[in-house]
Amino acid sequence: MILGRGYKAISWDRLEKGDPVSNLLISHYGERYRVELTVQVLGDINQRDLAERLSRAAIL
């Protein structure tokens, strides 16, 4: 996956600590980009319906 300009991947050691991924996404990428990134991942794993629902819900 290619991250947006200025963003870096979450390090493995932070992921391995067991913190909830949602908290890591918010702290590392911020509220807005977290949603964009999650929609992209859901699309990549063929969960397009969930990606569309999240995208619509985030607009509200």
N, C-alpha and C. Protein backbone atom coordinates (compact mmCIF):
# COMPACT_ATOMS: atom_id res chain seq x y z
N MET A 1 0.84 -1.17 0.00
CA MET A 1 0.00 0.00 0.00
C MET A 1 0.89 1.23 0.00
N ILE A 2 0.52 2.19 -0.79
CA ILE A 2 1.26 3.45 -0.86
C ILE A 2 0.53 4.48 0.00
N LEU A 3 1.25 5.04 0.96
CA LEU A 3 0.67 6.06 1.84
C LEU A 3 0.75 7.42 1.18
N GLY A 4 -0.13 8.31 1.61
CA GLY A 4 -0.13 9.67 1.09
C GLY A 4 1.15 10.40 1.44
N ARG A 5 1.40 11.43 0.71
CA ARG A 5 2.61 12.23 0.91
C ARG A 5 2.69 12.75 2.35
N GLY A 6 3.83 12.55 2.96
CA GLY A 6 4.06 13.02 4.32
C GLY A 6 3.68 12.02 5.40
N TYR A 7 3.12 10.89 5.01
CA TYR A 7 2.73 9.87 5.99
C TYR A 7 3.70 8.69 5.94
N LYS A 8 3.95 8.11 7.10
CA LYS A 8 4.83 6.94 7.20
C LYS A 8 4.06 5.80 7.84
N ALA A 9 4.50 4.59 7.58
CA ALA A 9 3.85 3.41 8.15
C ALA A 9 4.01 3.38 9.67
N ILE A 10 3.05 2.77 10.32
CA ILE A 10 3.15 2.54 11.76
C ILE A 10 4.20 1.45 11.97
N SER A 11 5.11 1.67 12.88
CA SER A 11 6.19 0.71 13.09
C SER A 11 5.65 -0.60 13.69
N TRP A 12 6.35 -1.69 13.37
CA TRP A 12 5.96 -3.00 13.87
C TRP A 12 5.96 -3.04 15.39
N ASP A 13 6.92 -2.39 16.02
CA ASP A 13 6.97 -2.45 17.48
C ASP A 13 5.74 -1.80 18.11
N ARG A 14 5.20 -0.75 17.48
CA ARG A 14 3.97 -0.15 18.00
C ARG A 14 2.78 -1.08 17.79
N LEU A 15 2.75 -1.77 16.66
CA LEU A 15 1.66 -2.71 16.40
C LEU A 15 1.72 -3.90 17.34
N GLU A 16 2.93 -4.35 17.64
CA GLU A 16 3.10 -5.54 18.49
C GLU A 16 2.77 -5.29 19.96
N LYS A 17 2.69 -4.04 20.37
CA LYS A 17 2.38 -3.73 21.76
C LYS A 17 0.96 -4.10 22.13
N GLY A 18 0.11 -4.31 21.12
CA GLY A 18 -1.25 -4.74 21.39
C GLY A 18 -2.26 -3.63 21.56
N ASP A 19 -1.86 -2.39 21.28
CA ASP A 19 -2.82 -1.30 21.34
C ASP A 19 -3.87 -1.49 20.26
N PRO A 20 -5.11 -1.06 20.51
CA PRO A 20 -6.14 -1.18 19.48
C PRO A 20 -5.70 -0.44 18.20
N VAL A 21 -5.88 -1.09 17.08
CA VAL A 21 -5.45 -0.51 15.80
C VAL A 21 -6.14 0.82 15.56
N SER A 22 -7.41 0.94 15.95
CA SER A 22 -8.12 2.21 15.74
C SER A 22 -7.42 3.35 16.46
N ASN A 23 -6.92 3.11 17.67
CA ASN A 23 -6.20 4.15 18.40
C ASN A 23 -4.89 4.51 17.71
N LEU A 24 -4.20 3.49 17.20
CA LEU A 24 -2.95 3.74 16.48
C LEU A 24 -3.19 4.56 15.22
N LEU A 25 -4.25 4.22 14.49
CA LEU A 25 -4.56 4.96 13.27
C LEU A 25 -4.84 6.43 13.56
N ILE A 26 -5.60 6.69 14.61
CA ILE A 26 -5.92 8.08 14.97
C ILE A 26 -4.66 8.82 15.40
N SER A 27 -3.88 8.23 16.28
CA SER A 27 -2.70 8.93 16.80
C SER A 27 -1.63 9.12 15.73
N HIS A 28 -1.54 8.18 14.80
CA HIS A 28 -0.48 8.24 13.79
C HIS A 28 -0.87 9.05 12.55
N TYR A 29 -2.13 8.93 12.14
CA TYR A 29 -2.57 9.55 10.89
C TYR A 29 -3.61 10.66 11.05
N GLY A 30 -4.23 10.76 12.22
CA GLY A 30 -5.27 11.76 12.41
C GLY A 30 -6.63 11.23 11.97
N GLU A 31 -7.68 11.93 12.37
CA GLU A 31 -9.05 11.49 12.12
C GLU A 31 -9.36 11.33 10.64
N ARG A 32 -9.08 12.34 9.85
CA ARG A 32 -9.49 12.33 8.45
C ARG A 32 -8.73 11.28 7.62
N TYR A 33 -7.41 11.28 7.71
CA TYR A 33 -6.65 10.34 6.90
C TYR A 33 -6.87 8.90 7.36
N ARG A 34 -7.18 8.73 8.62
CA ARG A 34 -7.47 7.38 9.15
C ARG A 34 -8.64 6.77 8.38
N VAL A 35 -9.67 7.56 8.13
CA VAL A 35 -10.83 7.06 7.40
C VAL A 35 -10.46 6.77 5.95
N GLU A 36 -9.74 7.67 5.31
CA GLU A 36 -9.32 7.46 3.93
C GLU A 36 -8.50 6.17 3.80
N LEU A 37 -7.59 5.98 4.72
CA LEU A 37 -6.73 4.80 4.70
C LEU A 37 -7.53 3.52 4.91
N THR A 38 -8.46 3.55 5.84
CA THR A 38 -9.29 2.38 6.12
C THR A 38 -10.17 2.03 4.92
N VAL A 39 -10.73 3.05 4.27
CA VAL A 39 -11.54 2.81 3.06
C VAL A 39 -10.67 2.17 1.98
N GLN A 40 -9.45 2.64 1.84
CA GLN A 40 -8.54 2.07 0.84
C GLN A 40 -8.22 0.60 1.16
N VAL A 41 -7.93 0.31 2.41
CA VAL A 41 -7.62 -1.07 2.81
C VAL A 41 -8.83 -1.97 2.58
N LEU A 42 -10.01 -1.52 2.97
CA LEU A 42 -11.21 -2.34 2.76
C LEU A 42 -11.43 -2.63 1.28
N GLY A 43 -11.20 -1.65 0.43
CA GLY A 43 -11.31 -1.88 -1.01
C GLY A 43 -10.28 -2.88 -1.50
N ASP A 44 -9.07 -2.78 -0.98
CA ASP A 44 -7.99 -3.68 -1.40
C ASP A 44 -8.25 -5.13 -1.01
N ILE A 45 -9.00 -5.35 0.07
CA ILE A 45 -9.29 -6.72 0.50
C ILE A 45 -10.69 -7.15 0.06
N ASN A 46 -11.19 -6.47 -0.95
CA ASN A 46 -12.46 -6.83 -1.58
C ASN A 46 -13.65 -6.69 -0.63
N GLN A 47 -13.61 -5.70 0.23
CA GLN A 47 -14.72 -5.38 1.12
C GLN A 47 -15.30 -4.02 0.71
N ARG A 48 -15.62 -3.92 -0.56
CA ARG A 48 -16.05 -2.64 -1.13
C ARG A 48 -17.35 -2.12 -0.54
N ASP A 49 -18.25 -3.02 -0.16
CA ASP A 49 -19.49 -2.58 0.46
C ASP A 49 -19.20 -1.88 1.79
N LEU A 50 -18.34 -2.48 2.60
CA LEU A 50 -17.96 -1.84 3.87
C LEU A 50 -17.23 -0.53 3.63
N ALA A 51 -16.37 -0.51 2.62
CA ALA A 51 -15.64 0.72 2.29
C ALA A 51 -16.61 1.83 1.92
N GLU A 52 -17.61 1.51 1.12
CA GLU A 52 -18.61 2.50 0.70
C GLU A 52 -19.42 2.99 1.89
N ARG A 53 -19.81 2.06 2.76
CA ARG A 53 -20.60 2.45 3.95
C ARG A 53 -19.78 3.36 4.86
N LEU A 54 -18.53 3.03 5.08
CA LEU A 54 -17.66 3.87 5.91
C LEU A 54 -17.48 5.24 5.28
N SER A 55 -17.24 5.26 4.00
CA SER A 55 -17.05 6.52 3.29
C SER A 55 -18.28 7.42 3.43
N ARG A 56 -19.45 6.84 3.25
CA ARG A 56 -20.70 7.62 3.38
C ARG A 56 -20.89 8.09 4.82
N ALA A 57 -20.62 7.23 5.79
CA ALA A 57 -20.80 7.59 7.20
C ALA A 57 -19.84 8.68 7.63
N ALA A 58 -18.66 8.68 7.06
CA ALA A 58 -17.64 9.68 7.43
C ALA A 58 -18.01 11.07 6.94
N ILE A 59 -18.80 11.14 5.90
CA ILE A 59 -19.21 12.43 5.35
C ILE A 59 -20.20 13.12 6.26
N LEU A 60 -21.02 12.34 6.97
CA LEU A 60 -22.06 12.90 7.83
C LEU A 60 -21.53 13.63 8.99
